[in-house]
C-alpha atoms as a PDB file:
ATOM      1  CA  MET A   1      12.817 -23.097 -12.626  1.00  0.00           C
ATOM      2  CA  VAL A   2      13.380 -26.597 -13.935  1.00  0.00           C
ATOM      3  CA  SER A   3      10.794 -29.361 -14.186  1.00  0.00           C
ATOM      4  CA  ASP A   4      12.072 -32.650 -12.760  1.00  0.00           C
ATOM      5  CA  GLY A   5       9.094 -34.872 -13.633  1.00  0.00           C
ATOM      6  CA  ASP A   6       7.512 -34.900 -10.168  1.00  0.00           C
ATOM      7  CA  GLY A   7       7.694 -31.183  -9.546  1.00  0.00           C
ATOM      8  CA  VAL A   8       9.687 -28.073 -10.133  1.00  0.00           C
ATOM      9  CA  ILE A   9      13.162 -27.202  -8.894  1.00  0.00           C
ATOM     10  CA  VAL A  10      13.628 -23.531  -8.125  1.00  0.00           C
ATOM     11  CA  ALA A  11      17.266 -22.585  -8.589  1.00  0.00           C
ATOM     12  CA  LEU A  12      16.904 -19.006  -7.341  1.00  0.00           C
ATOM     13  CA  PRO A  13      13.880 -18.645  -5.012  1.00  0.00           C
ATOM     14  CA  THR A  14      14.555 -14.949  -4.474  1.00  0.00           C
ATOM     15  CA  ALA A  15      13.878 -14.317  -8.172  1.00  0.00           C
ATOM     16  CA  ILE A  16      10.276 -15.546  -8.043  1.00  0.00           C
ATOM     17  CA  SER A  17       8.745 -12.372  -6.595  1.00  0.00           C
ATOM     18  CA  PRO A  18      10.464  -9.984  -9.047  1.00  0.00           C
ATOM     19  CA  ALA A  19       9.548 -12.281 -11.957  1.00  0.00           C
ATOM     20  CA  VAL A  20       5.888 -12.367 -10.936  1.00  0.00           C
ATOM     21  CA  ARG A  21       5.842  -8.583 -10.486  1.00  0.00           C
ATOM     22  CA  LEU A  22       7.435  -8.065 -13.908  1.00  0.00           C
ATOM     23  CA  HIS A  23       4.873 -10.384 -15.496  1.00  0.00           C
ATOM     24  CA  ILE A  24       2.004  -8.451 -13.852  1.00  0.00           C
ATOM     25  CA  VAL A  25       3.370  -5.068 -14.952  1.00  0.00           C
ATOM     26  CA  GLU A  26       3.987  -6.241 -18.518  1.00  0.00           C
ATOM     27  CA  THR A  27       0.475  -7.721 -18.714  1.00  0.00           C
ATOM     28  CA  VAL A  28      -1.128  -4.527 -17.353  1.00  0.00           C
ATOM     29  CA  ILE A  29       0.777  -2.420 -19.893  1.00  0.00           C
ATOM     30  CA  ARG A  30       0.093  -4.808 -22.796  1.00  0.00           C
ATOM     31  CA  HIS A  31      -3.671  -4.700 -22.121  1.00  0.00           C
ATOM     32  CA  ASP A  32      -3.659  -0.919 -21.534  1.00  0.00           C
ATOM     33  CA  HIS A  33      -4.988  -1.171 -17.958  1.00  0.00           C
ATOM     34  CA  VAL A  34      -2.374   1.049 -16.320  1.00  0.00           C
ATOM     35  CA  LYS A  35      -4.788   3.670 -14.914  1.00  0.00           C
ATOM     36  CA  SER A  36      -7.185   1.044 -13.557  1.00  0.00           C
ATOM     37  CA  PHE A  37      -4.346  -0.989 -12.016  1.00  0.00           C
ATOM     38  CA  GLU A  38      -2.771   2.124 -10.534  1.00  0.00           C
ATOM     39  CA  HIS A  39      -6.098   3.159  -8.972  1.00  0.00           C
ATOM     40  CA  ARG A  40      -6.722  -0.282  -7.443  1.00  0.00           C
ATOM     41  CA  LEU A  41      -3.138  -0.638  -6.222  1.00  0.00           C
ATOM     42  CA  PHE A  42      -3.297   2.794  -4.611  1.00  0.00           C
ATOM     43  CA  GLY A  43      -6.532   1.841  -2.866  1.00  0.00           C
ATOM     44  CA  HIS A  44      -4.939  -1.300  -1.445  1.00  0.00           C
ATOM     45  CA  GLN A  45      -1.857   0.642  -0.331  1.00  0.00           C
ATOM     46  CA  ILE A  46      -4.027   3.214   1.459  1.00  0.00           C
ATOM     47  CA  ALA A  47      -5.998   0.481   3.195  1.00  0.00           C
ATOM     48  CA  GLU A  48      -2.777  -1.243   4.265  1.00  0.00           C
ATOM     49  CA  MET A  49      -1.276   1.991   5.548  1.00  0.00           C
ATOM     50  CA  PHE A  50      -4.326   3.012   7.489  1.00  0.00           C
ATOM     51  CA  HIS A  51      -5.371  -0.384   8.800  1.00  0.00           C
ATOM     52  CA  GLY A  52      -2.108  -2.305   8.909  1.00  0.00           C
ATOM     53  CA  GLY A  53      -0.056   0.688  10.027  1.00  0.00           C
ATOM     54  CA  ILE A  54      -2.461   1.653  12.759  1.00  0.00           C
ATOM     55  CA  ARG A  55      -2.635  -1.951  13.918  1.00  0.00           C
ATOM     56  CA  GLY A  56       1.171  -2.210  13.826  1.00  0.00           C
ATOM     57  CA  LEU A  57       1.509   0.886  15.993  1.00  0.00           C
ATOM     58  CA  LYS A  58      -1.148  -0.513  18.338  1.00  0.00           C
ATOM     59  CA  ALA A  59      -2.745   2.871  17.813  1.00  0.00           C
ATOM     60  CA  ARG A  60      -6.286   4.062  18.153  1.00  0.00           C
ATOM     61  CA  PRO A  61      -7.910   6.728  16.001  1.00  0.00           C
ATOM     62  CA  VAL A  62      -8.632  10.005  17.783  1.00  0.00           C
ATOM     63  CA  GLY A  63     -10.740  12.958  16.776  1.00  0.00           C
ATOM     64  CA  ALA A  64      -9.034  15.385  14.455  1.00  0.00           C
ATOM     65  CA  ALA A  65     -11.472  18.258  14.921  1.00  0.00           C
ATOM     66  CA  GLY A  66      -8.708  20.574  16.195  1.00  0.00           C
ATOM     67  CA  LEU A  67      -6.569  20.254  13.083  1.00  0.00           C
ATOM     68  CA  PRO A  68      -6.449  23.200  10.682  1.00  0.00           C
ATOM     69  CA  GLN A  69      -7.969  22.752   7.245  1.00  0.00           C
ATOM     70  CA  LEU A  70      -5.601  21.515   4.569  1.00  0.00           C
ATOM     71  CA  PRO A  71      -4.596  24.178   2.044  1.00  0.00           C
ATOM     72  CA  PRO A  72      -6.567  24.322  -1.201  1.00  0.00           C
ATOM     73  CA  ASN A  73      -5.193  22.208  -4.053  1.00  0.00           C
ATOM     74  CA  THR A  74      -3.588  19.799  -1.594  1.00  0.00           C
ATOM     75  CA  HIS A  75      -3.480  16.358  -3.127  1.00  0.00           C
ATOM     76  CA  THR A  76      -4.258  14.637   0.164  1.00  0.00           C
ATOM     77  CA  LEU A  77      -6.970  12.022  -0.230  1.00  0.00           C
ATOM     78  CA  HIS A  78      -7.178  10.613   3.287  1.00  0.00           C
ATOM     79  CA  GLN A  79      -5.979  11.690   6.683  1.00  0.00           C
ATOM     80  CA  LYS A  80      -6.268  10.290  10.149  1.00  0.00           C
ATOM     81  CA  VAL A  81      -4.824  11.092  13.573  1.00  0.00           C
ATOM     82  CA  VAL A  82      -3.986   8.208  15.878  1.00  0.00           C
ATOM     83  CA  GLU A  83      -2.587   7.932  19.366  1.00  0.00           C
ATOM     84  CA  PHE A  84       0.023   5.168  19.554  1.00  0.00           C
ATOM     85  CA  ASP A  85       1.239   5.745  23.102  1.00  0.00           C
ATOM     86  CA  GLN A  86       0.091   7.937  25.978  1.00  0.00           C
ATOM     87  CA  GLY A  87       0.387  11.463  24.573  1.00  0.00           C
ATOM     88  CA  LYS A  88       2.114  10.343  21.334  1.00  0.00           C
ATOM     89  CA  PHE A  89       0.267  10.978  18.090  1.00  0.00           C
ATOM     90  CA  ALA A  90       0.770  10.298  14.395  1.00  0.00           C
ATOM     91  CA  HIS A  91      -0.932  12.268  11.612  1.00  0.00           C
ATOM     92  CA  LEU A  92      -1.298   9.895   8.655  1.00  0.00           C
ATOM     93  CA  LEU A  93      -1.774  11.413   5.210  1.00  0.00           C
ATOM     94  CA  SER A  94      -2.116   9.855   1.813  1.00  0.00           C
ATOM     95  CA  SER A  95      -1.877  11.762  -1.411  1.00  0.00           C
ATOM     96  CA  ALA A  96      -2.407  11.110  -5.063  1.00  0.00           C
END
């Protein structure tokens, strides 16, 4: 990026996102907030998967009472069954 007096000229626009991400990661590490950041990021990713993914599939949640219990020590945090087309289902799982 180069300042031209009235604004900023971006020579490589595709480099902005990676540069911002690198800055965030370096700041999180420098301030020793990795666990907290990881926890919050994971929460946002789960929300996006469950809400955005379901919306993207034009799916609707259905009861999952007929599913077997997950095995003990499974690292699954959330699960949901959705129907995205007549008779077509997706079993969404998130794990730690």
